[in-house]
Structures are given as C-alpha cells and as structure tokens.
Amino acid sequence: MKNFDTTLYFITDSTGFSEEEFLYRAEQALKGGVTLVQLREKNRTTREYIDLAEKLHVLTKKYNIPLIIDDRIDVAMAVDAEGVHLGQSDMPVDIARRILGEDKIIGATAKTVPQALEAYNNGADNLGVGAIYPTTTKVKTVLTSLDTLKEIAKAVPIPVNAIGGLNKDNMDVLEDTGIAGVCVVSAIMKADSPQKAAEEIKAKFLSLK
C-alpha cells in the first residue's frame, strides 16, 4: 500500500481568491495539519491549471504532503503530482492506472457499494463518499446516507473518506462509520484562519475514531 494518510483530506477551491491569497490559504491549511491536498479547478484552461498546480506542488512538497489533481490525468502527469481523483464521469480507474502506473495514488468517487467495489477492483487507492450534507461547492449535490457510508467502508479494504458540507460542528454523525478520514473544502478554504480550522477539524475527527 502506498504511504499516504487521508485523515484530513483538503480539497481546494480558488473561487473568489487571487492566486496569492489562494496559495497563502493553502499553505495555512498545510501548517494546520491537512494530510492530503487535492487541487480542484473546473474552469481553468489546461495551461492555467498546470501553472497553479506547479505552484501548489512547491508548497505541498515543502510540508511532505501528497498533491492530488482532480479529474485531469494530463495535469497530474505534467507536474508529477502524487496522484489523481476521478469522479464517476471521468476516466475509468483501470485505464488511469495503466497510464499512471502503480506508484501514483488514484482516488475515486463512489456513492453506492457497487461503485465502491468496482473502483477498488479496478485499482483505486481510496474513495470519496458523499455528499453527507448539502454543499456550496458543487451545483448538483446528491446526498449519501450514513448507512450507505458505513456499508461502503465495510465493503472495501481501502480508505473511505466522507465528503460534503462537513465542519467541526457537524461531524459527530461520522462516529462509528468506519471511515478513514474527512474531505473538507469550504470549512478550511473560507475560514478566517485556515490553519486554525484545519487543526480543529482534524482534532474533532480524531476524537471520533
């Protein structure tokens, strides 16, 4: 198994921030103890995406934290990121694995047990499951029940991470679900202090395990 930790999986959102502010907030989150960083950019050109990924990768390397690129295998390869995360409409996991090789981290989105098993059997290293709560970061939010989250965590031997509207005040529902970590976007990205937010969310999750 690859050496990575999904306890506090930070997914970025640069919307509304200058590049300087975005990178500052990302570094604050790294200082706060995030264990994995995923760069998610839906509206940038390929060249812009690569440029931002290179700058973010400098920071993640500084803190020895893996950088995951959302959706785009080409961008991940261009900056030699540690991995990618693939949604249900993205490239299939088994094809991505053939392209990227065994050393890269490949995460996948799963909303059902069959989707989770398919991703695992095709070579996924971790799963994102949600949304647990409504979220402002994606227009189409399909909620996932806690029962489904538990079933997926039981069904596969790889880390399962909850995503969707999670913050330090609403995570108690995740107790006893068997998940490995939480994926957080707005609760860190939009916090007054991303570092403090990361520290508090991580501490809260660890208290539930």
C-alpha atoms as a PDB file:
ATOM      1  CA  MET A   1       0.000   0.000   0.000  1.00  0.00           C
ATOM      2  CA  LYS A   2       1.216   3.479  -0.804  1.00  0.00           C
ATOM      3  CA  ASN A   3       2.241   5.696   2.051  1.00  0.00           C
ATOM      4  CA  PHE A   4      -0.474   8.307   2.397  1.00  0.00           C
ATOM      5  CA  ASP A   5      -2.901   9.458   5.065  1.00  0.00           C
ATOM      6  CA  THR A   6      -6.466  10.609   4.343  1.00  0.00           C
ATOM      7  CA  THR A   7      -7.351  11.735   7.889  1.00  0.00           C
ATOM      8  CA  LEU A   8      -7.829  15.348   6.780  1.00  0.00           C
ATOM      9  CA  TYR A   9      -8.226  15.456   3.010  1.00  0.00           C
ATOM     10  CA  PHE A  10      -8.248  19.104   1.929  1.00  0.00           C
ATOM     11  CA  ILE A  11      -9.868  19.941  -1.414  1.00  0.00           C
ATOM     12  CA  THR A  12      -9.107  23.421  -2.676  1.00  0.00           C
ATOM     13  CA  ASP A  13     -11.457  25.974  -4.209  1.00  0.00           C
ATOM     14  CA  SER A  14      -9.828  29.064  -5.684  1.00  0.00           C
ATOM     15  CA  THR A  15     -13.127  30.795  -6.483  1.00  0.00           C
ATOM     16  CA  GLY A  16     -13.030  34.427  -5.426  1.00  0.00           C
ATOM     17  CA  PHE A  17      -9.380  34.428  -4.370  1.00  0.00           C
ATOM     18  CA  SER A  18      -6.360  35.964  -6.041  1.00  0.00           C
ATOM     19  CA  GLU A  19      -3.601  33.479  -6.763  1.00  0.00           C
ATOM     20  CA  GLU A  20      -1.540  34.961  -3.938  1.00  0.00           C
ATOM     21  CA  GLU A  21      -4.401  34.633  -1.434  1.00  0.00           C
ATOM     22  CA  PHE A  22      -5.203  31.133  -2.650  1.00  0.00           C
ATOM     23  CA  LEU A  23      -1.640  29.913  -2.169  1.00  0.00           C
ATOM     24  CA  TYR A  24      -1.435  31.648   1.225  1.00  0.00           C
ATOM     25  CA  ARG A  25      -4.601  29.859   2.385  1.00  0.00           C
ATOM     26  CA  ALA A  26      -3.349  26.547   1.055  1.00  0.00           C
ATOM     27  CA  GLU A  27      -0.115  26.934   2.992  1.00  0.00           C
ATOM     28  CA  GLN A  28      -2.029  27.864   6.140  1.00  0.00           C
ATOM     29  CA  ALA A  29      -4.031  24.644   5.750  1.00  0.00           C
ATOM     30  CA  LEU A  30      -0.780  22.688   5.386  1.00  0.00           C
ATOM     31  CA  LYS A  31       0.517  24.290   8.565  1.00  0.00           C
ATOM     32  CA  GLY A  32      -2.730  23.269  10.243  1.00  0.00           C
ATOM     33  CA  GLY A  33      -2.101  19.602   9.584  1.00  0.00           C
ATOM     34  CA  VAL A  34      -4.004  18.587   6.457  1.00  0.00           C
ATOM     35  CA  THR A  35      -2.752  15.173   5.357  1.00  0.00           C
ATOM     36  CA  LEU A  36      -3.620  15.269   1.656  1.00  0.00           C
ATOM     37  CA  VAL A  37      -4.270  18.173  -0.746  1.00  0.00           C
ATOM     38  CA  GLN A  38      -6.436  17.925  -3.851  1.00  0.00           C
ATOM     39  CA  LEU A  39      -6.371  20.735  -6.401  1.00  0.00           C
ATOM     40  CA  ARG A  40      -9.823  21.078  -7.938  1.00  0.00           C
ATOM     41  CA  GLU A  41     -10.227  23.536 -10.795  1.00  0.00           C
ATOM     42  CA  LYS A  42     -13.267  23.211 -13.045  1.00  0.00           C
ATOM     43  CA  ASN A  43     -12.960  26.438 -15.007  1.00  0.00           C
ATOM     44  CA  ARG A  44      -9.291  26.959 -15.839  1.00  0.00           C
ATOM     45  CA  THR A  45      -7.596  26.282 -19.129  1.00  0.00           C
ATOM     46  CA  THR A  46      -5.148  23.401 -19.178  1.00  0.00           C
ATOM     47  CA  ARG A  47      -2.237  25.818 -19.141  1.00  0.00           C
ATOM     48  CA  GLU A  48      -3.677  27.758 -16.191  1.00  0.00           C
ATOM     49  CA  TYR A  49      -4.394  24.527 -14.322  1.00  0.00           C
ATOM     50  CA  ILE A  50      -0.805  23.332 -14.807  1.00  0.00           C
ATOM     51  CA  ASP A  51       0.604  26.690 -13.730  1.00  0.00           C
ATOM     52  CA  LEU A  52      -1.378  26.716 -10.489  1.00  0.00           C
ATOM     53  CA  ALA A  53      -0.638  23.030  -9.847  1.00  0.00           C
ATOM     54  CA  GLU A  54       3.105  23.663 -10.152  1.00  0.00           C
ATOM     55  CA  LYS A  55       2.937  26.477  -7.606  1.00  0.00           C
ATOM     56  CA  LEU A  56       0.807  24.455  -5.190  1.00  0.00           C
ATOM     57  CA  HIS A  57       3.102  21.448  -5.583  1.00  0.00           C
ATOM     58  CA  VAL A  58       6.039  23.528  -4.347  1.00  0.00           C
ATOM     59  CA  LEU A  59       4.095  24.100  -1.113  1.00  0.00           C
ATOM     60  CA  THR A  60       2.885  20.526  -0.645  1.00  0.00           C
ATOM     61  CA  LYS A  61       6.421  19.198  -1.154  1.00  0.00           C
ATOM     62  CA  LYS A  62       7.676  21.642   1.472  1.00  0.00           C
ATOM     63  CA  TYR A  63       5.341  20.001   4.011  1.00  0.00           C
ATOM     64  CA  ASN A  64       5.804  16.479   2.586  1.00  0.00           C
ATOM     65  CA  ILE A  65       2.102  16.140   1.777  1.00  0.00           C
ATOM     66  CA  PRO A  66       0.880  14.428  -1.413  1.00  0.00           C
ATOM     67  CA  LEU A  67      -0.748  16.569  -4.107  1.00  0.00           C
ATOM     68  CA  ILE A  68      -3.752  15.067  -5.848  1.00  0.00           C
ATOM     69  CA  ILE A  69      -5.152  16.558  -9.060  1.00  0.00           C
ATOM     70  CA  ASP A  70      -8.910  16.453  -9.592  1.00  0.00           C
ATOM     71  CA  ASP A  71     -10.106  14.866 -12.854  1.00  0.00           C
ATOM     72  CA  ARG A  72      -7.123  15.688 -15.020  1.00  0.00           C
ATOM     73  CA  ILE A  73      -4.556  12.951 -15.559  1.00  0.00           C
ATOM     74  CA  ASP A  74      -2.699  15.124 -18.064  1.00  0.00           C
ATOM     75  CA  VAL A  75      -2.247  17.893 -15.495  1.00  0.00           C
ATOM     76  CA  ALA A  76      -1.148  15.393 -12.837  1.00  0.00           C
ATOM     77  CA  MET A  77       1.467  13.989 -15.207  1.00  0.00           C
ATOM     78  CA  ALA A  78       2.611  17.444 -16.290  1.00  0.00           C
ATOM     79  CA  VAL A  79       3.507  18.460 -12.722  1.00  0.00           C
ATOM     80  CA  ASP A  80       4.405  14.951 -11.494  1.00  0.00           C
ATOM     81  CA  ALA A  81       1.715  15.139  -8.809  1.00  0.00           C
ATOM     82  CA  GLU A  82       1.406  12.240  -6.398  1.00  0.00           C
ATOM     83  CA  GLY A  83      -1.994  11.249  -7.726  1.00  0.00           C
ATOM     84  CA  VAL A  84      -5.425  11.988  -9.172  1.00  0.00           C
ATOM     85  CA  HIS A  85      -9.022  11.813  -8.053  1.00  0.00           C
ATOM     86  CA  LEU A  86     -11.585  10.568 -10.538  1.00  0.00           C
ATOM     87  CA  GLY A  87     -15.334  11.108 -10.471  1.00  0.00           C
ATOM     88  CA  GLN A  88     -17.937   8.819 -11.995  1.00  0.00           C
ATOM     89  CA  SER A  89     -17.861  10.736 -15.294  1.00  0.00           C
ATOM     90  CA  ASP A  90     -14.055  10.893 -15.516  1.00  0.00           C
ATOM     91  CA  MET A  91     -11.600   8.391 -16.969  1.00  0.00           C
ATOM     92  CA  PRO A  92     -12.181   4.857 -15.592  1.00  0.00           C
ATOM     93  CA  VAL A  93      -9.836   3.914 -12.762  1.00  0.00           C
ATOM     94  CA  ASP A  94      -8.327   0.896 -14.530  1.00  0.00           C
ATOM     95  CA  ILE A  95      -7.349   2.974 -17.574  1.00  0.00           C
ATOM     96  CA  ALA A  96      -5.915   5.706 -15.338  1.00  0.00           C
ATOM     97  CA  ARG A  97      -3.894   3.058 -13.512  1.00  0.00           C
ATOM     98  CA  ARG A  98      -2.444   1.773 -16.784  1.00  0.00           C
ATOM     99  CA  ILE A  99      -1.401   5.296 -17.741  1.00  0.00           C
ATOM    100  CA  LEU A 100      -0.070   6.433 -14.366  1.00  0.00           C
ATOM    101  CA  GLY A 101       1.490   3.197 -13.159  1.00  0.00           C
ATOM    102  CA  GLU A 102       1.397   1.571  -9.747  1.00  0.00           C
ATOM    103  CA  ASP A 103       3.208   4.287  -7.801  1.00  0.00           C
ATOM    104  CA  LYS A 104       0.613   7.049  -8.125  1.00  0.00           C
ATOM    105  CA  ILE A 105      -2.364   7.477  -5.795  1.00  0.00           C
ATOM    106  CA  ILE A 106      -5.711   7.111  -7.551  1.00  0.00           C
ATOM    107  CA  GLY A 107      -8.832   8.092  -5.658  1.00  0.00           C
ATOM    108  CA  ALA A 108     -12.378   7.637  -6.889  1.00  0.00           C
ATOM    109  CA  THR A 109     -15.831   8.931  -6.069  1.00  0.00           C
ATOM    110  CA  ALA A 110     -18.366   6.304  -5.013  1.00  0.00           C
ATOM    111  CA  LYS A 111     -21.975   6.794  -3.946  1.00  0.00           C
ATOM    112  CA  THR A 112     -23.018   3.139  -3.793  1.00  0.00           C
ATOM    113  CA  VAL A 113     -21.466  -0.153  -2.709  1.00  0.00           C
ATOM    114  CA  PRO A 114     -21.313  -1.446  -6.318  1.00  0.00           C
ATOM    115  CA  GLN A 115     -19.482   1.720  -7.404  1.00  0.00           C
ATOM    116  CA  ALA A 116     -17.074   1.327  -4.482  1.00  0.00           C
ATOM    117  CA  LEU A 117     -16.348  -2.316  -5.301  1.00  0.00           C
ATOM    118  CA  GLU A 118     -15.831  -1.521  -8.973  1.00  0.00           C
ATOM    119  CA  ALA A 119     -13.382   1.280  -8.156  1.00  0.00           C
ATOM    120  CA  TYR A 120     -11.480  -0.929  -5.707  1.00  0.00           C
ATOM    121  CA  ASN A 121     -11.331  -3.866  -8.110  1.00  0.00           C
ATOM    122  CA  ASN A 122     -10.065  -1.544 -10.848  1.00  0.00           C
ATOM    123  CA  GLY A 123      -7.190  -0.319  -8.703  1.00  0.00           C
ATOM    124  CA  ALA A 124      -8.413   2.689  -6.698  1.00  0.00           C
ATOM    125  CA  ASP A 125      -6.376   3.502  -3.573  1.00  0.00           C
ATOM    126  CA  ASN A 126      -9.072   5.471  -1.720  1.00  0.00           C
ATOM    127  CA  LEU A 127     -12.685   6.561  -2.056  1.00  0.00           C
ATOM    128  CA  GLY A 128     -14.572   9.795  -1.520  1.00  0.00           C
ATOM    129  CA  VAL A 129     -18.178   9.207  -0.459  1.00  0.00           C
ATOM    130  CA  GLY A 130     -20.894  11.834  -0.180  1.00  0.00           C
ATOM    131  CA  ALA A 131     -22.331  14.334  -0.026  1.00  0.00           C
ATOM    132  CA  ILE A 132     -23.076  13.860   3.655  1.00  0.00           C
ATOM    133  CA  TYR A 133     -24.556  17.364   3.928  1.00  0.00           C
ATOM    134  CA  PRO A 134     -25.602  19.875   1.253  1.00  0.00           C
ATOM    135  CA  THR A 135     -22.590  21.731  -0.098  1.00  0.00           C
ATOM    136  CA  THR A 136     -21.962  25.041  -1.801  1.00  0.00           C
ATOM    137  CA  THR A 137     -19.068  23.818  -3.923  1.00  0.00           C
ATOM    138  CA  LYS A 138     -20.969  21.673  -6.412  1.00  0.00           C
ATOM    139  CA  VAL A 139     -24.216  22.611  -8.112  1.00  0.00           C
ATOM    140  CA  LYS A 140     -25.540  19.046  -8.268  1.00  0.00           C
ATOM    141  CA  THR A 141     -25.430  17.619  -4.768  1.00  0.00           C
ATOM    142  CA  VAL A 142     -26.764  14.107  -4.239  1.00  0.00           C
ATOM    143  CA  LEU A 143     -26.839  13.279  -0.542  1.00  0.00           C
ATOM    144  CA  THR A 144     -25.462   9.962   0.680  1.00  0.00           C
ATOM    145  CA  SER A 145     -26.945   8.340   3.768  1.00  0.00           C
ATOM    146  CA  LEU A 146     -24.801   7.407   6.748  1.00  0.00           C
ATOM    147  CA  ASP A 147     -25.933   3.804   6.305  1.00  0.00           C
ATOM    148  CA  THR A 148     -24.514   3.783   2.777  1.00  0.00           C
ATOM    149  CA  LEU A 149     -21.294   5.361   4.048  1.00  0.00           C
ATOM    150  CA  LYS A 150     -20.939   2.588   6.648  1.00  0.00           C
ATOM    151  CA  GLU A 151     -21.718  -0.124   4.074  1.00  0.00           C
ATOM    152  CA  ILE A 152     -19.080   1.204   1.688  1.00  0.00           C
ATOM    153  CA  ALA A 153     -16.473   1.431   4.474  1.00  0.00           C
ATOM    154  CA  LYS A 154     -17.182  -2.228   5.322  1.00  0.00           C
ATOM    155  CA  ALA A 155     -17.199  -3.382   1.689  1.00  0.00           C
ATOM    156  CA  VAL A 156     -13.694  -2.275   0.686  1.00  0.00           C
ATOM    157  CA  PRO A 157     -10.279  -2.541   2.402  1.00  0.00           C
ATOM    158  CA  ILE A 158      -9.056   0.867   1.170  1.00  0.00           C
ATOM    159  CA  PRO A 159      -9.515   4.214   2.958  1.00  0.00           C
ATOM    160  CA  VAL A 160     -13.038   5.621   2.670  1.00  0.00           C
ATOM    161  CA  ASN A 161     -13.497   9.333   3.259  1.00  0.00           C
ATOM    162  CA  ALA A 162     -16.684  11.294   3.839  1.00  0.00           C
ATOM    163  CA  ILE A 163     -17.250  14.482   1.853  1.00  0.00           C
ATOM    164  CA  GLY A 164     -19.894  17.168   1.651  1.00  0.00           C
ATOM    165  CA  GLY A 165     -20.564  20.154   3.872  1.00  0.00           C
ATOM    166  CA  LEU A 166     -18.506  18.828   6.774  1.00  0.00           C
ATOM    167  CA  ASN A 167     -17.089  21.047   9.520  1.00  0.00           C
ATOM    168  CA  LYS A 168     -16.021  20.678  13.146  1.00  0.00           C
ATOM    169  CA  ASP A 169     -19.553  21.289  14.412  1.00  0.00           C
ATOM    170  CA  ASN A 170     -21.451  18.680  12.396  1.00  0.00           C
ATOM    171  CA  MET A 171     -19.072  15.707  12.296  1.00  0.00           C
ATOM    172  CA  ASP A 172     -20.431  13.764  15.259  1.00  0.00           C
ATOM    173  CA  VAL A 173     -22.612  11.756  12.856  1.00  0.00           C
ATOM    174  CA  LEU A 174     -19.442  10.164  11.462  1.00  0.00           C
ATOM    175  CA  GLU A 175     -18.660   8.316  14.681  1.00  0.00           C
ATOM    176  CA  ASP A 176     -18.621   4.536  14.263  1.00  0.00           C
ATOM    177  CA  THR A 177     -18.890   4.733  10.476  1.00  0.00           C
ATOM    178  CA  GLY A 178     -15.515   3.063   9.979  1.00  0.00           C
ATOM    179  CA  ILE A 179     -14.198   5.749   7.659  1.00  0.00           C
ATOM    180  CA  ALA A 180     -10.519   6.722   7.421  1.00  0.00           C
ATOM    181  CA  GLY A 181     -10.943  10.465   7.115  1.00  0.00           C
ATOM    182  CA  VAL A 182     -12.909  13.509   6.052  1.00  0.00           C
ATOM    183  CA  CYS A 183     -12.718  15.628   2.906  1.00  0.00           C
ATOM    184  CA  VAL A 184     -13.165  19.321   3.556  1.00  0.00           C
ATOM    185  CA  VAL A 185     -13.433  22.279   1.204  1.00  0.00           C
ATOM    186  CA  SER A 186     -15.229  25.406   2.417  1.00  0.00           C
ATOM    187  CA  ALA A 187     -14.727  24.843   6.157  1.00  0.00           C
ATOM    188  CA  ILE A 188     -10.996  25.364   5.608  1.00  0.00           C
ATOM    189  CA  MET A 189     -10.844  27.372   2.387  1.00  0.00           C
ATOM    190  CA  LYS A 190     -13.272  30.072   3.551  1.00  0.00           C
ATOM    191  CA  ALA A 191     -12.272  30.122   7.221  1.00  0.00           C
ATOM    192  CA  ASP A 192     -10.922  33.282   8.830  1.00  0.00           C
ATOM    193  CA  SER A 193      -7.895  31.186   9.756  1.00  0.00           C
ATOM    194  CA  PRO A 194      -7.434  28.130   7.522  1.00  0.00           C
ATOM    195  CA  GLN A 195      -4.691  26.900   9.852  1.00  0.00           C
ATOM    196  CA  LYS A 196      -6.911  27.005  12.931  1.00  0.00           C
ATOM    197  CA  ALA A 197      -9.819  25.470  11.027  1.00  0.00           C
ATOM    198  CA  ALA A 198      -7.641  22.584   9.863  1.00  0.00           C
ATOM    199  CA  GLU A 199      -6.323  21.980  13.379  1.00  0.00           C
ATOM    200  CA  GLU A 200      -9.834  21.967  14.871  1.00  0.00           C
ATOM    201  CA  ILE A 201     -11.382  19.733  12.208  1.00  0.00           C
ATOM    202  CA  LYS A 202      -8.541  17.236  12.438  1.00  0.00           C
ATOM    203  CA  ALA A 203      -8.730  17.124  16.233  1.00  0.00           C
ATOM    204  CA  LYS A 204     -12.507  16.668  16.097  1.00  0.00           C
ATOM    205  CA  PHE A 205     -12.305  13.800  13.618  1.00  0.00           C
ATOM    206  CA  LEU A 206      -9.572  12.030  15.571  1.00  0.00           C
ATOM    207  CA  SER A 207     -11.722  12.302  18.700  1.00  0.00           C
ATOM    208  CA  LEU A 208     -14.451  10.311  16.927  1.00  0.00           C
ATOM    209  CA  LYS A 209     -12.210   7.400  15.922  1.00  0.00           C
END
